[in-house]
Amino acid sequence: MAQKETKQATWGGRFRAPPAPLMAEFSESVSFDKALAPYDIAGSKAHARMLAEVGILTKAECDAIAAGLDAILAEIGQGAFMWDESLEDVHMNIEQVLTTRVPAAAKLHTARSRNDQVALDMRLYFRDVCDKISADVKNLMRVLVALAEKSRFIAIPGYTHLQRAQPVSAAHHFLAFVEMLSRDLARFEAVRSEANVCPLGSGAIAGTTLAIDRAFVARELGFVDENGEPRLTENSMDAVADRDAFLDFAHACAVTGVHLSRMAEDMILWNSSEFGFIYLPDAYTTGSSMMPQKKNPDCMELIRGKSARLQGNLHTLLTLAKGLPLTYNRDLQEDKPPIFDSFRQTSLCLRVMAGALGHKDTHLVPEKCAAAVADHLLLATDLADHLVRSGVPFRRAHHVVGALVARAVESGIQLGLLPEAEIAALTSAISARVEPFQHFSEADAAAVKKALEGDAWRKVFDLAKALSVREKPGMPGPREVEKRLAHWKEQLG
């Protein structure tokens, strides 16, 4: 098979021969970093304007370079630009073609290295994709708020250890996801702010002897603070070696993936026949090639699976960066595929979750939720609280209710429906301080007896009342849920 001809690279002045074809294939990055073309061109246009501002380019040369770059960008958008792997990367591909068309472009790389050029491109990229993912996060938050509002009168069991724990409103559960996503949103906003510092002018490692204007470029590209003042990197070595924004972005994606995975797991459980709390639409589920009855929540399972991929991307970047000396090393070429993948997969997962949960056919199944939340054991802690209000120390109250729960489970009776004979037998055993109540004092025994006299303790198992008394900040009481709904509706617009 004929070998592909390899062109001499722009750095080839001190070399007598071009790279071996295998080396060219091994070292190219244009197959993936061509995604940076719009940012690379924006940076080059700003750099050209700065060079014209300081007198290195004439206005005519600057205009010709800008027009040439615009034409290349249009060709890239149309799929007409011919990428050449022998030119290594997106930067050299664009520069070589531009120089053949615009002779003045031979001056464009003045006072610039690919080191600070790629650092600039990636910072522009992070600003852009953080904005896009933030929009995706906010969209999912709106979907969850809408679901919460529709389900605020539906109660479900809350779970710990995947065992029924205490009752909550479905709205409170959905709003828990909103809180998680709000922290994800803050992380992406922090990465955007971190990336919004201009590295151009750092050169390869030690800047340049030419009279450039770094602040001019920063203003041109929007690297400014809230007062419009330029934000510039303060150390040229750190500027070209720094990959913190990469790590922080991948971390933000990985944590978002964890949150989405946990959300997906709840939906998978709720969608199962054993739970039946939610109906997921046909549009986001699939069937079995063998079993005609199956309707599988594949969208949720794929989200759960992709979260592992996002964690792998973060680990790749951490391992890649951990042993590198300052400043730039070619290893860092491998930092982009994990980032590009994390952006795409995180955005997809967010949009799929929003599409599935926001679909017109998605709804909770009230009768299934009501049947599950009717279990009196969900309010066993409320019964312990009732004993505490009667003067029983909590640890003693916990012990008493545990004994009642055991009797209810053994007899197959709802906790709040235990017959008076069972209650009398228990209070007598406590008063006699027989095993396992030997540590109870007389005052404890008297307080337990008082708390379990009559039917007052049975009112604890009124579900509506149980939720209504949970009205302190952060609790699932109806008024607190309404307050959080109002808060998020205002925040999200």
Protein backbone atom coordinates (compact mmCIF):
# COMPACT_ATOMS: atom_id res chain seq x y z
CA MET A 1 0.00 0.00 0.00
CA ALA A 2 1.37 3.41 -0.94
CA GLN A 3 2.37 5.62 1.95
CA LYS A 4 0.70 8.97 2.34
CA GLU A 5 2.97 11.91 1.53
CA THR A 6 3.85 13.86 4.66
CA LYS A 7 4.21 17.64 4.43
CA GLN A 8 6.86 19.47 6.38
CA ALA A 9 5.45 21.09 9.50
CA THR A 10 5.74 24.80 10.25
CA TRP A 11 8.31 24.05 12.95
CA GLY A 12 10.50 22.13 10.47
CA GLY A 13 13.20 24.73 9.87
CA ARG A 14 15.89 22.94 11.87
CA PHE A 15 14.91 19.48 10.59
CA ARG A 16 16.39 17.88 7.47
CA ALA A 17 13.57 15.38 7.02
CA PRO A 18 9.83 15.33 7.71
CA PRO A 19 8.30 13.09 10.36
CA ALA A 20 7.88 9.44 9.46
CA PRO A 21 4.33 8.71 8.21
CA LEU A 22 3.71 6.56 11.29
CA MET A 23 4.88 9.38 13.58
CA ALA A 24 2.64 11.83 11.74
CA GLU A 25 -0.32 9.50 12.19
CA PHE A 26 0.55 8.92 15.85
CA SER A 27 0.99 12.59 16.74
CA GLU A 28 -1.87 14.24 14.88
CA SER A 29 -4.68 15.80 16.87
CA VAL A 30 -6.67 17.53 14.15
CA SER A 31 -9.06 14.57 14.02
CA PHE A 32 -10.50 15.79 17.32
CA ASP A 33 -9.21 19.30 17.99
CA LYS A 34 -10.79 20.63 14.78
CA ALA A 35 -13.79 21.12 17.09
CA LEU A 36 -11.88 24.16 18.39
CA ALA A 37 -11.85 25.88 14.97
CA PRO A 38 -14.43 28.59 15.81
CA TYR A 39 -12.53 29.52 18.97
CA ASP A 40 -9.17 29.37 17.22
CA ILE A 41 -10.39 31.71 14.51
CA ALA A 42 -11.94 34.13 17.02
CA GLY A 43 -8.63 34.21 18.91
CA SER A 44 -6.62 34.76 15.73
CA LYS A 45 -8.82 37.65 14.63
CA ALA A 46 -8.43 39.34 18.02
CA HIS A 47 -4.67 38.72 17.93
CA ALA A 48 -4.50 40.26 14.44
CA ARG A 49 -6.36 43.35 15.63
CA MET A 50 -3.91 43.69 18.50
CA LEU A 51 -0.93 43.33 16.15
CA ALA A 52 -2.43 46.10 14.01
CA GLU A 53 -3.00 48.23 17.12
CA VAL A 54 0.70 48.02 18.06
CA GLY A 55 1.91 48.54 14.48
CA ILE A 56 3.11 45.04 13.59
CA LEU A 57 0.32 44.67 11.01
CA THR A 58 -1.16 47.37 8.81
CA LYS A 59 -4.90 47.88 8.83
CA ALA A 60 -5.10 46.45 5.31
CA GLU A 61 -3.18 43.35 6.38
CA CYS A 62 -5.38 42.93 9.42
CA ASP A 63 -8.54 43.25 7.33
CA ALA A 64 -7.24 40.73 4.79
CA ILE A 65 -6.41 38.25 7.54
CA ALA A 66 -9.83 38.69 9.14
CA ALA A 67 -11.59 38.19 5.80
CA GLY A 68 -9.49 35.10 5.11
CA LEU A 69 -10.31 33.65 8.52
CA ASP A 70 -14.02 34.34 8.02
CA ALA A 71 -13.93 32.51 4.70
CA ILE A 72 -12.24 29.50 6.31
CA LEU A 73 -14.79 29.47 9.11
CA ALA A 74 -17.60 29.47 6.55
CA GLU A 75 -15.98 26.55 4.70
CA ILE A 76 -15.64 24.62 7.95
CA GLY A 77 -19.29 25.22 8.71
CA GLN A 78 -20.25 23.95 5.26
CA GLY A 79 -18.01 20.89 5.56
CA ALA A 80 -15.93 22.08 2.61
CA PHE A 81 -12.64 22.69 4.43
CA MET A 82 -10.01 19.99 3.79
CA TRP A 83 -8.30 18.97 7.01
CA ASP A 84 -4.76 17.64 6.61
CA GLU A 85 -3.48 15.31 9.33
CA SER A 86 0.12 15.91 8.25
CA LEU A 87 -0.27 19.46 9.59
CA GLU A 88 -0.88 18.01 13.05
CA ASP A 89 -3.59 20.17 14.56
CA VAL A 90 -6.37 22.67 14.07
CA HIS A 91 -4.01 25.64 14.52
CA MET A 92 -1.55 24.66 11.80
CA ASN A 93 -4.27 23.57 9.39
CA ILE A 94 -5.96 26.95 9.56
CA GLU A 95 -2.69 28.90 9.49
CA GLN A 96 -1.28 27.05 6.48
CA VAL A 97 -4.40 27.46 4.37
CA LEU A 98 -4.76 31.09 5.41
CA THR A 99 -1.13 31.85 4.53
CA THR A 100 -1.52 30.40 1.03
CA ARG A 101 -4.47 32.72 0.47
CA VAL A 102 -3.37 35.80 2.39
CA PRO A 103 0.41 36.44 2.27
CA ALA A 104 0.20 38.82 5.24
CA ALA A 105 -0.92 35.88 7.38
CA ALA A 106 2.75 34.88 7.65
CA LYS A 107 2.89 37.62 10.31
CA LEU A 108 -0.12 36.29 12.27
CA HIS A 109 1.85 34.01 14.56
CA THR A 110 4.04 36.91 15.71
CA ALA A 111 4.34 36.96 19.53
CA ARG A 112 2.25 33.81 19.81
CA SER A 113 2.94 30.12 20.43
CA ARG A 114 0.66 27.16 19.97
CA ASN A 115 1.04 26.80 23.74
CA ASP A 116 -0.78 30.01 24.58
CA GLN A 117 -2.97 29.64 21.49
CA VAL A 118 -4.43 26.33 22.65
CA ALA A 119 -4.75 27.69 26.19
CA LEU A 120 -6.78 30.56 24.76
CA ASP A 121 -8.91 28.31 22.56
CA MET A 122 -9.79 26.06 25.46
CA ARG A 123 -10.70 28.95 27.73
CA LEU A 124 -13.03 30.26 25.02
CA TYR A 125 -14.40 26.73 24.65
CA PHE A 126 -15.03 26.37 28.39
CA ARG A 127 -16.89 29.68 28.54
CA ASP A 128 -19.11 28.56 25.70
CA VAL A 129 -19.86 25.00 26.84
CA CYS A 130 -20.37 26.02 30.47
CA ASP A 131 -23.08 28.40 29.24
CA LYS A 132 -24.64 25.60 27.19
CA ILE A 133 -24.58 23.04 30.00
CA SER A 134 -25.88 25.62 32.47
CA ALA A 135 -28.85 26.15 30.15
CA ASP A 136 -29.40 22.36 30.06
CA VAL A 137 -29.24 22.17 33.86
CA LYS A 138 -31.73 25.01 34.25
CA ASN A 139 -34.09 23.37 31.75
CA LEU A 140 -34.07 20.12 33.74
CA MET A 141 -34.59 22.06 36.96
CA ARG A 142 -37.68 23.69 35.41
CA VAL A 143 -39.00 20.26 34.39
CA LEU A 144 -38.53 18.97 37.94
CA VAL A 145 -40.19 22.04 39.46
CA ALA A 146 -43.17 21.52 37.16
CA LEU A 147 -43.37 17.85 38.18
CA ALA A 148 -43.12 18.86 41.83
CA GLU A 149 -45.92 21.37 41.44
CA LYS A 150 -48.18 18.76 39.82
CA SER A 151 -47.41 16.18 42.51
CA ARG A 152 -47.41 18.29 45.66
CA PHE A 153 -50.56 16.57 46.97
CA ILE A 154 -49.21 13.05 46.37
CA ALA A 155 -47.42 11.43 49.30
CA ILE A 156 -44.86 8.65 48.87
CA PRO A 157 -42.53 6.75 51.16
CA GLY A 158 -39.09 8.22 51.55
CA TYR A 159 -36.38 5.57 51.71
CA THR A 160 -33.14 4.90 53.53
CA HIS A 161 -31.20 1.72 52.76
CA LEU A 162 -33.96 1.20 50.15
CA GLN A 163 -36.30 0.46 53.05
CA ARG A 164 -39.41 2.52 53.69
CA ALA A 165 -38.44 5.22 56.15
CA GLN A 166 -40.80 8.22 56.52
CA PRO A 167 -43.49 9.78 54.36
CA VAL A 168 -42.76 12.78 52.16
CA SER A 169 -44.61 14.51 49.38
CA ALA A 170 -43.52 13.55 45.87
CA ALA A 171 -42.89 17.27 45.38
CA HIS A 172 -40.34 17.26 48.19
CA HIS A 173 -38.58 14.33 46.50
CA PHE A 174 -38.46 16.08 43.11
CA LEU A 175 -37.27 19.29 44.75
CA ALA A 176 -34.39 17.34 46.31
CA PHE A 177 -33.14 16.76 42.75
CA VAL A 178 -33.53 20.48 42.05
CA GLU A 179 -31.29 21.30 45.02
CA MET A 180 -28.67 18.85 43.75
CA LEU A 181 -28.75 20.39 40.27
CA SER A 182 -28.45 23.89 41.72
CA ARG A 183 -25.05 22.89 43.10
CA ASP A 184 -24.10 21.51 39.69
CA LEU A 185 -25.10 24.81 38.16
CA ALA A 186 -22.86 26.67 40.62
CA ARG A 187 -19.94 24.39 39.69
CA PHE A 188 -20.30 25.11 35.97
CA GLU A 189 -20.61 28.82 36.65
CA ALA A 190 -17.42 28.63 38.73
CA VAL A 191 -15.57 26.87 35.89
CA ARG A 192 -16.72 29.58 33.49
CA SER A 193 -15.41 32.26 35.79
CA GLU A 194 -12.13 30.40 36.24
CA ALA A 195 -11.71 30.07 32.48
CA ASN A 196 -12.51 33.73 31.87
CA VAL A 197 -8.88 34.86 32.15
CA CYS A 198 -6.84 35.58 29.02
CA PRO A 199 -3.56 33.63 28.59
CA LEU A 200 -2.60 35.00 25.17
CA GLY A 201 0.73 36.79 25.31
CA SER A 202 2.32 34.11 27.47
CA GLY A 203 4.02 32.72 24.37
CA ALA A 204 5.62 29.32 24.59
CA ILE A 205 6.74 29.81 28.19
CA ALA A 206 8.24 33.25 28.79
CA GLY A 207 6.17 35.74 26.84
CA THR A 208 7.70 37.87 24.09
CA THR A 209 10.14 40.74 23.61
CA LEU A 210 7.71 42.45 21.23
CA ALA A 211 5.56 45.37 22.36
CA ILE A 212 2.19 43.60 22.42
CA ASP A 213 -0.92 44.71 24.29
CA ARG A 214 -2.36 41.79 26.25
CA ALA A 215 -5.16 43.86 27.74
CA PHE A 216 -6.36 44.79 24.25
CA VAL A 217 -6.81 41.13 23.30
CA ALA A 218 -8.53 40.37 26.61
CA ARG A 219 -11.07 43.13 26.02
CA GLU A 220 -11.61 42.06 22.40
CA LEU A 221 -12.44 38.51 23.50
CA GLY A 222 -14.51 39.45 26.56
CA PHE A 223 -12.00 38.35 29.20
CA VAL A 224 -13.15 41.08 31.56
CA ASP A 225 -14.49 41.38 35.10
CA GLU A 226 -17.83 42.80 36.14
CA ASN A 227 -16.39 46.31 35.76
CA GLY A 228 -15.13 45.68 32.23
CA GLU A 229 -11.50 45.47 33.32
CA PRO A 230 -9.33 42.91 31.51
CA ARG A 231 -8.51 39.66 33.30
CA LEU A 232 -5.02 38.41 32.43
CA THR A 233 -3.02 35.40 33.58
CA GLU A 234 -0.22 36.55 35.87
CA ASN A 235 2.46 33.94 35.20
CA SER A 236 3.40 32.85 31.68
CA MET A 237 4.63 29.43 32.79
CA ASP A 238 1.46 28.66 34.71
CA ALA A 239 -0.70 30.00 31.88
CA VAL A 240 0.53 27.43 29.35
CA ALA A 241 0.83 24.54 31.83
CA ASP A 242 -2.39 25.08 33.77
CA ARG A 243 -5.10 22.46 33.28
CA ASP A 244 -7.19 23.26 36.34
CA ALA A 245 -10.18 24.35 34.27
CA PHE A 246 -10.04 20.99 32.48
CA LEU A 247 -10.07 19.15 35.80
CA ASP A 248 -12.77 21.33 37.30
CA PHE A 249 -14.97 21.02 34.22
CA ALA A 250 -14.57 17.24 34.13
CA HIS A 251 -15.29 17.14 37.87
CA ALA A 252 -18.43 19.24 37.44
CA CYS A 253 -19.57 16.88 34.67
CA ALA A 254 -18.78 13.80 36.78
CA VAL A 255 -20.70 15.10 39.81
CA THR A 256 -23.63 16.06 37.59
CA GLY A 257 -23.46 12.53 36.21
CA VAL A 258 -23.63 11.12 39.74
CA HIS A 259 -26.69 13.23 40.48
CA LEU A 260 -28.37 12.20 37.24
CA SER A 261 -27.51 8.57 37.92
CA ARG A 262 -29.14 8.70 41.35
CA MET A 263 -32.17 10.39 39.83
CA ALA A 264 -32.28 7.71 37.13
CA GLU A 265 -32.05 4.95 39.72
CA ASP A 266 -35.08 6.33 41.55
CA MET A 267 -37.02 6.50 38.30
CA ILE A 268 -36.00 2.92 37.41
CA LEU A 269 -37.27 1.71 40.79
CA TRP A 270 -40.43 3.80 40.64
CA ASN A 271 -41.14 2.53 37.13
CA SER A 272 -40.84 -1.13 38.15
CA SER A 273 -43.93 -3.28 38.68
CA GLU A 274 -42.93 -3.68 42.33
CA PHE A 275 -43.17 0.09 42.90
CA GLY A 276 -45.33 1.40 40.06
CA PHE A 277 -45.10 5.01 41.28
CA ILE A 278 -44.42 6.57 37.85
CA TYR A 279 -45.39 6.00 34.24
CA LEU A 280 -42.62 6.68 31.73
CA PRO A 281 -43.56 7.45 28.12
CA ASP A 282 -43.12 5.09 25.19
CA ALA A 283 -40.91 7.69 23.51
CA TYR A 284 -38.15 7.16 26.10
CA THR A 285 -38.50 3.42 26.74
CA THR A 286 -37.73 0.33 24.66
CA GLY A 287 -38.89 -3.26 24.36
CA SER A 288 -37.28 -6.68 24.36
CA SER A 289 -36.28 -8.62 21.25
CA MET A 290 -37.65 -11.76 22.89
CA MET A 291 -40.18 -10.85 25.59
CA PRO A 292 -43.13 -8.98 24.09
CA GLN A 293 -44.44 -7.70 27.42
CA LYS A 294 -41.29 -5.75 28.32
CA LYS A 295 -41.11 -1.96 28.52
CA ASN A 296 -37.64 -1.07 29.68
CA PRO A 297 -36.54 2.33 31.09
CA ASP A 298 -33.48 2.38 28.82
CA CYS A 299 -33.12 6.17 28.93
CA MET A 300 -32.58 5.99 32.67
CA GLU A 301 -30.29 2.98 32.50
CA LEU A 302 -28.11 4.67 29.87
CA ILE A 303 -27.88 7.81 31.99
CA ARG A 304 -26.84 5.64 34.92
CA GLY A 305 -24.22 3.96 32.73
CA LYS A 306 -22.86 7.15 31.22
CA SER A 307 -22.16 8.54 34.68
CA ALA A 308 -19.34 5.97 34.92
CA ARG A 309 -17.94 7.28 31.63
CA LEU A 310 -17.88 10.81 33.01
CA GLN A 311 -15.99 9.63 36.08
CA GLY A 312 -13.51 7.85 33.80
CA ASN A 313 -12.87 11.06 31.88
CA LEU A 314 -12.06 12.89 35.11
CA HIS A 315 -9.72 10.11 36.20
CA THR A 316 -7.98 10.21 32.80
CA LEU A 317 -7.27 13.92 33.16
CA LEU A 318 -6.07 13.64 36.76
CA THR A 319 -3.68 10.86 35.80
CA LEU A 320 -2.54 12.71 32.69
CA ALA A 321 -1.59 15.86 34.59
CA LYS A 322 -0.18 14.46 37.82
CA GLY A 323 3.45 13.83 36.81
CA LEU A 324 4.17 16.58 34.29
CA PRO A 325 7.00 19.05 34.85
CA LEU A 326 6.41 22.68 33.96
CA THR A 327 5.48 23.80 31.45
CA TYR A 328 3.93 22.32 28.32
CA ASN A 329 4.37 18.64 27.46
CA ARG A 330 2.97 16.82 24.46
CA ASP A 331 1.04 14.53 26.82
CA LEU A 332 -1.37 17.42 27.17
CA GLN A 333 -2.56 16.88 23.61
CA GLU A 334 -4.62 14.04 25.14
CA ASP A 335 -6.53 16.42 27.42
CA LYS A 336 -9.14 17.34 24.82
CA PRO A 337 -10.94 14.06 23.95
CA PRO A 338 -12.07 13.49 27.57
CA ILE A 339 -13.29 17.09 27.80
CA PHE A 340 -15.15 16.98 24.50
CA ASP A 341 -16.74 13.68 25.50
CA SER A 342 -17.70 14.93 28.96
CA PHE A 343 -19.43 17.96 27.49
CA ARG A 344 -21.35 15.96 24.91
CA GLN A 345 -22.42 13.17 27.25
CA THR A 346 -23.37 15.49 30.13
CA SER A 347 -25.44 17.68 27.84
CA LEU A 348 -27.11 14.61 26.31
CA CYS A 349 -27.91 13.10 29.71
CA LEU A 350 -29.41 16.36 30.97
CA ARG A 351 -31.54 16.76 27.85
CA VAL A 352 -32.70 13.14 27.84
CA MET A 353 -33.69 13.31 31.51
CA ALA A 354 -35.60 16.52 30.84
CA GLY A 355 -37.21 14.98 27.77
CA ALA A 356 -38.34 11.87 29.64
CA LEU A 357 -39.61 13.57 32.80
CA GLY A 358 -41.06 16.54 30.93
CA HIS A 359 -42.93 14.40 28.40
CA LYS A 360 -46.69 14.93 28.27
CA ASP A 361 -47.31 11.25 29.02
CA THR A 362 -45.08 11.07 32.11
CA HIS A 363 -47.07 11.05 35.34
CA LEU A 364 -47.14 9.66 38.84
CA VAL A 365 -49.64 6.89 39.60
CA PRO A 366 -51.58 8.19 42.65
CA GLU A 367 -53.15 4.89 43.68
CA LYS A 368 -49.78 3.08 43.75
CA CYS A 369 -48.22 5.90 45.75
CA ALA A 370 -51.16 5.97 48.18
CA ALA A 371 -50.98 2.22 48.76
CA ALA A 372 -47.27 2.39 49.57
CA VAL A 373 -47.51 5.38 51.87
CA ALA A 374 -50.43 3.87 53.81
CA ASP A 375 -47.94 1.70 55.73
CA HIS A 376 -48.11 2.82 59.39
CA LEU A 377 -44.49 1.83 59.94
CA LEU A 378 -43.53 4.99 58.03
CA LEU A 379 -44.78 6.95 61.03
CA ALA A 380 -43.09 4.90 63.74
CA THR A 381 -40.71 7.79 64.42
CA ASP A 382 -43.69 10.11 64.81
CA LEU A 383 -45.01 7.76 67.48
CA ALA A 384 -41.64 7.95 69.25
CA ASP A 385 -41.91 11.75 69.07
CA HIS A 386 -45.39 11.49 70.65
CA LEU A 387 -43.87 9.59 73.58
CA VAL A 388 -41.12 12.20 73.87
CA ARG A 389 -43.74 14.95 74.14
CA SER A 390 -45.18 12.97 77.08
CA GLY A 391 -41.85 13.04 78.89
CA VAL A 392 -40.28 9.75 77.73
CA PRO A 393 -36.55 10.08 76.92
CA PHE A 394 -36.03 9.48 73.20
CA ARG A 395 -33.90 6.35 73.62
CA ARG A 396 -36.59 4.83 75.83
CA ALA A 397 -39.30 5.94 73.38
CA HIS A 398 -37.36 4.35 70.52
CA HIS A 399 -37.22 1.08 72.48
CA VAL A 400 -40.95 1.12 73.23
CA VAL A 401 -41.97 1.81 69.64
CA GLY A 402 -39.55 -0.87 68.44
CA ALA A 403 -41.37 -3.36 70.65
CA LEU A 404 -44.74 -2.22 69.27
CA VAL A 405 -43.44 -2.53 65.71
CA ALA A 406 -42.31 -6.08 66.38
CA ARG A 407 -45.76 -7.00 67.72
CA ALA A 408 -47.48 -5.37 64.72
CA VAL A 409 -45.24 -7.17 62.21
CA GLU A 410 -45.65 -10.52 63.95
CA SER A 411 -49.43 -10.21 64.07
CA GLY A 412 -49.79 -8.70 60.59
CA ILE A 413 -51.64 -5.67 61.95
CA GLN A 414 -51.03 -2.03 61.09
CA LEU A 415 -49.08 -0.35 63.90
CA GLY A 416 -51.79 2.16 64.71
CA LEU A 417 -54.44 -0.59 64.87
CA LEU A 418 -52.85 -2.73 67.56
CA PRO A 419 -55.57 -3.79 70.03
CA GLU A 420 -55.74 -2.31 73.50
CA ALA A 421 -54.80 -5.68 75.02
CA GLU A 422 -51.40 -5.52 73.26
CA ILE A 423 -50.82 -1.97 74.51
CA ALA A 424 -51.81 -2.90 78.07
CA ALA A 425 -49.50 -5.93 78.03
CA LEU A 426 -46.61 -3.75 76.90
CA THR A 427 -47.15 -1.00 79.47
CA SER A 428 -47.46 -3.63 82.23
CA ALA A 429 -44.15 -5.20 81.18
CA ILE A 430 -42.51 -1.78 81.25
CA SER A 431 -43.94 -0.96 84.68
CA ALA A 432 -42.64 -4.30 85.97
CA ARG A 433 -39.30 -3.49 84.30
CA VAL A 434 -38.96 -7.00 82.93
CA GLU A 435 -36.50 -7.86 80.16
CA PRO A 436 -35.88 -5.89 77.94
CA PHE A 437 -37.24 -2.91 79.93
CA GLN A 438 -35.16 -3.37 83.07
CA HIS A 439 -33.37 -0.03 82.56
CA PHE A 440 -36.60 2.00 82.58
CA SER A 441 -37.21 4.14 85.65
CA GLU A 442 -40.58 4.46 87.35
CA ALA A 443 -40.93 7.90 85.79
CA ASP A 444 -40.19 6.44 82.34
CA ALA A 445 -42.80 3.72 82.83
CA ALA A 446 -45.39 6.23 84.02
CA ALA A 447 -44.72 8.52 81.07
CA VAL A 448 -45.06 5.62 78.59
CA LYS A 449 -48.35 4.53 80.15
CA LYS A 450 -49.71 8.06 79.99
CA ALA A 451 -48.64 8.49 76.35
CA LEU A 452 -50.35 5.26 75.25
CA GLU A 453 -53.61 5.75 77.15
CA GLY A 454 -56.72 6.31 75.06
CA ASP A 455 -56.63 6.93 71.31
CA ALA A 456 -54.49 10.07 71.16
CA TRP A 457 -51.43 8.09 70.11
CA ARG A 458 -53.36 6.53 67.22
CA LYS A 459 -53.89 10.00 65.66
CA VAL A 460 -50.17 10.03 64.94
CA PHE A 461 -50.95 7.82 61.94
CA ASP A 462 -53.03 10.48 60.19
CA LEU A 463 -50.80 11.03 57.14
CA ALA A 464 -52.04 14.52 56.32
CA LYS A 465 -51.44 15.63 59.90
CA ALA A 466 -48.02 14.00 59.91
CA LEU A 467 -46.97 16.05 56.91
CA SER A 468 -48.63 19.23 58.15
CA VAL A 469 -46.54 19.31 61.33
CA ARG A 470 -43.30 19.24 59.33
CA GLU A 471 -43.23 22.94 58.60
CA LYS A 472 -39.74 23.94 59.70
CA PRO A 473 -37.18 25.04 57.09
CA GLY A 474 -36.10 22.22 54.80
CA MET A 475 -38.90 19.87 55.87
CA PRO A 476 -41.63 18.37 53.65
CA GLY A 477 -44.57 20.24 55.17
CA PRO A 478 -47.02 21.59 52.57
CA ARG A 479 -46.26 25.25 53.29
CA GLU A 480 -42.50 24.64 53.18
CA VAL A 481 -42.86 22.82 49.86
CA GLU A 482 -44.93 25.70 48.46
CA LYS A 483 -42.23 28.14 49.57
CA ARG A 484 -39.51 26.18 47.79
CA LEU A 485 -41.65 25.88 44.68
CA ALA A 486 -42.15 29.64 44.67
CA HIS A 487 -38.42 30.16 45.25
CA TRP A 488 -37.35 27.98 42.33
CA LYS A 489 -40.00 29.34 39.98
CA GLU A 490 -38.70 32.83 40.68
CA GLN A 491 -35.06 31.76 40.32
CA LEU A 492 -35.58 29.86 37.09
CA GLY A 493 -37.95 32.29 35.47
